[in-house]
């Protein structure tokens, strides 16, 4: 099954606020610098950017990220619905340099499964998170070679 592109953003615009209709609190956490989005402060629970087109069916998202000291502090989220503090969805994030996949229930993120590949500080990685039917999956690859998968983490949700 292939995914239909519903919304894409290459961030090829002037440095500054993320703009382009992003929702949540993206301008307090994310900035564009040299046509790339950078996190400024906060974590995946406080720095939320939601694409202008919200899709709760099969879909996915991807991002190229640079790993930090012990955690990226950001996450990819799919099928997010509800209000801040009382929302649900699925997320992929990094904690203790390991890729994690979790579920958000009533605003509380709970890890479901953890990958085995240890991310390197300062490494450039591509994350791809998909939700197809009941299968939630995230893959991670090097940005320089996105076809070489370093780790895949998945689970089936009822």
Protein backbone atom coordinates (compact mmCIF):
# COMPACT_ATOMS: atom_id res chain seq x y z
CA UNK A 1 0.00 0.00 0.00
CA UNK A 2 1.35 3.39 -0.89
CA UNK A 3 0.55 6.56 1.00
CA UNK A 4 -1.03 9.51 -0.75
CA UNK A 5 0.66 12.82 -0.03
CA UNK A 6 -1.87 15.06 1.68
CA UNK A 7 0.41 17.75 3.01
CA UNK A 8 4.10 18.41 2.49
CA UNK A 9 6.33 21.27 3.57
CA UNK A 10 9.94 21.59 2.40
CA UNK A 11 10.48 24.67 4.64
CA UNK A 12 12.16 26.54 1.78
CA UNK A 13 11.40 30.02 3.04
CA UNK A 14 13.05 32.81 5.00
CA UNK A 15 14.61 32.13 8.40
CA UNK A 16 12.24 32.77 11.32
CA UNK A 17 8.94 31.40 12.56
CA UNK A 18 7.81 28.10 11.07
CA UNK A 19 4.68 29.74 9.55
CA UNK A 20 2.68 28.18 6.68
CA UNK A 21 -0.36 27.45 8.85
CA UNK A 22 1.27 25.08 11.34
CA UNK A 23 -0.87 24.67 14.49
CA UNK A 24 -0.05 24.01 18.16
CA UNK A 25 2.75 26.10 19.60
CA UNK A 26 5.32 25.75 16.81
CA UNK A 27 6.59 29.33 16.84
CA UNK A 28 7.68 29.06 20.47
CA UNK A 29 9.64 25.86 19.85
CA UNK A 30 10.49 25.53 16.15
CA UNK A 31 12.26 27.98 13.86
CA UNK A 32 13.38 27.80 10.25
CA UNK A 33 17.11 28.28 9.72
CA UNK A 34 18.72 27.74 6.31
CA UNK A 35 15.58 25.98 4.99
CA UNK A 36 15.53 23.50 7.89
CA UNK A 37 13.37 23.35 11.00
CA UNK A 38 15.28 23.52 14.27
CA UNK A 39 13.99 22.98 17.81
CA UNK A 40 14.77 25.88 20.11
CA UNK A 41 13.53 24.88 23.58
CA UNK A 42 11.21 22.42 25.25
CA UNK A 43 10.47 18.76 24.60
CA UNK A 44 8.07 16.73 22.51
CA UNK A 45 5.36 17.40 25.12
CA UNK A 46 5.75 21.19 25.03
CA UNK A 47 6.90 21.83 21.46
CA UNK A 48 4.06 20.56 19.30
CA UNK A 49 3.65 21.46 15.65
CA UNK A 50 0.60 20.06 13.90
CA UNK A 51 0.34 20.15 10.12
CA UNK A 52 -2.45 22.41 8.85
CA UNK A 53 -4.26 19.42 7.35
CA UNK A 54 -5.22 16.99 10.10
CA UNK A 55 -5.61 13.37 8.99
CA UNK A 56 -6.79 10.63 11.34
CA UNK A 57 -6.77 7.80 8.79
CA UNK A 58 -3.85 5.86 7.31
CA UNK A 59 -0.86 8.11 6.90
CA UNK A 60 2.60 8.99 8.02
CA UNK A 61 5.20 11.66 8.48
CA UNK A 62 8.95 11.95 8.24
CA UNK A 63 11.62 14.34 9.43
CA UNK A 64 15.39 14.69 9.26
CA UNK A 65 16.81 15.38 12.74
CA UNK A 66 20.16 15.82 14.46
CA UNK A 67 20.47 13.88 17.70
CA UNK A 68 21.29 15.76 20.90
CA UNK A 69 23.06 14.81 24.12
CA UNK A 70 20.71 12.07 25.32
CA UNK A 71 17.42 12.83 23.59
CA UNK A 72 16.18 14.70 20.57
CA UNK A 73 13.47 16.39 22.58
CA UNK A 74 11.14 16.25 19.58
CA UNK A 75 8.78 13.59 18.33
CA UNK A 76 6.81 12.64 15.27
CA UNK A 77 3.11 12.19 15.98
CA UNK A 78 0.39 10.62 13.81
CA UNK A 79 -3.38 10.36 14.29
CA UNK A 80 -3.32 13.10 16.91
CA UNK A 81 -6.72 14.25 18.04
CA UNK A 82 -8.15 16.13 20.98
CA UNK A 83 -6.92 19.15 22.87
CA UNK A 84 -3.54 19.71 24.51
CA UNK A 85 -3.43 17.80 27.79
CA UNK A 86 -6.32 15.56 26.73
CA UNK A 87 -5.26 14.22 23.35
CA UNK A 88 -4.52 10.85 21.83
CA UNK A 89 -2.31 9.52 19.05
CA UNK A 90 0.95 7.69 18.39
CA UNK A 91 4.46 9.06 18.64
CA UNK A 92 8.05 8.18 17.80
CA UNK A 93 10.73 9.80 19.93
CA UNK A 94 14.25 9.30 21.28
CA UNK A 95 15.05 8.70 24.92
CA UNK A 96 18.44 7.62 26.29
CA UNK A 97 19.69 7.53 22.69
CA UNK A 98 17.21 4.77 21.72
CA UNK A 99 14.28 5.02 19.33
CA UNK A 100 10.92 4.61 21.09
CA UNK A 101 7.40 4.15 19.85
CA UNK A 102 4.49 5.05 22.07
CA UNK A 103 0.83 5.79 22.49
CA UNK A 104 -0.68 9.02 23.79
CA UNK A 105 -3.76 8.52 25.97
CA UNK A 106 -5.45 11.47 27.69
CA UNK A 107 -2.37 13.59 26.99
CA UNK A 108 0.03 11.14 28.65
CA UNK A 109 2.71 9.54 26.45
CA UNK A 110 3.37 5.91 27.27
CA UNK A 111 6.18 3.93 25.60
CA UNK A 112 5.04 0.72 23.92
CA UNK A 113 8.27 -0.64 22.43
CA UNK A 114 11.94 0.35 22.08
CA UNK A 115 14.46 -0.08 19.29
CA UNK A 116 17.94 -1.55 19.62
CA UNK A 117 20.12 0.86 17.62
CA UNK A 118 21.93 3.46 19.78
CA UNK A 119 21.82 6.90 18.16
CA UNK A 120 25.08 8.83 18.12
CA UNK A 121 25.25 12.37 19.49
CA UNK A 122 25.35 14.82 16.61
CA UNK A 123 24.21 12.16 14.14
CA UNK A 124 21.95 13.08 11.22
CA UNK A 125 18.93 10.77 11.05
CA UNK A 126 15.73 10.40 9.03
CA UNK A 127 12.67 9.24 10.98
CA UNK A 128 9.59 7.87 9.19
CA UNK A 129 6.47 7.18 11.26
CA UNK A 130 3.46 5.46 9.66
CA UNK A 131 0.03 4.34 10.83
CA UNK A 132 -1.54 1.86 8.40
CA UNK A 133 -4.61 0.14 9.79
CA UNK A 134 -3.67 -1.13 13.24
CA UNK A 135 0.09 -1.24 12.50
CA UNK A 136 2.13 1.65 13.89
CA UNK A 137 5.74 1.65 12.68
CA UNK A 138 8.78 3.90 12.78
CA UNK A 139 12.04 3.47 10.88
CA UNK A 140 15.28 5.35 11.29
CA UNK A 141 18.03 5.76 8.71
CA UNK A 142 21.02 7.99 8.16
CA UNK A 143 20.05 11.21 6.39
CA UNK A 144 22.95 10.63 3.99
CA UNK A 145 21.64 7.16 3.03
CA UNK A 146 17.89 6.97 3.77
CA UNK A 147 17.47 3.60 2.04
CA UNK A 148 19.75 1.87 4.58
CA UNK A 149 17.47 1.27 7.58
CA UNK A 150 19.25 1.31 10.95
CA UNK A 151 16.28 0.27 13.06
CA UNK A 152 12.56 -0.45 12.77
CA UNK A 153 10.15 -0.45 15.67
CA UNK A 154 6.51 -1.48 15.27
CA UNK A 155 3.44 -2.69 17.13
CA UNK A 156 -0.16 -3.56 16.33
CA UNK A 157 -2.83 -1.60 18.18
CA UNK A 158 -6.36 -2.88 18.57
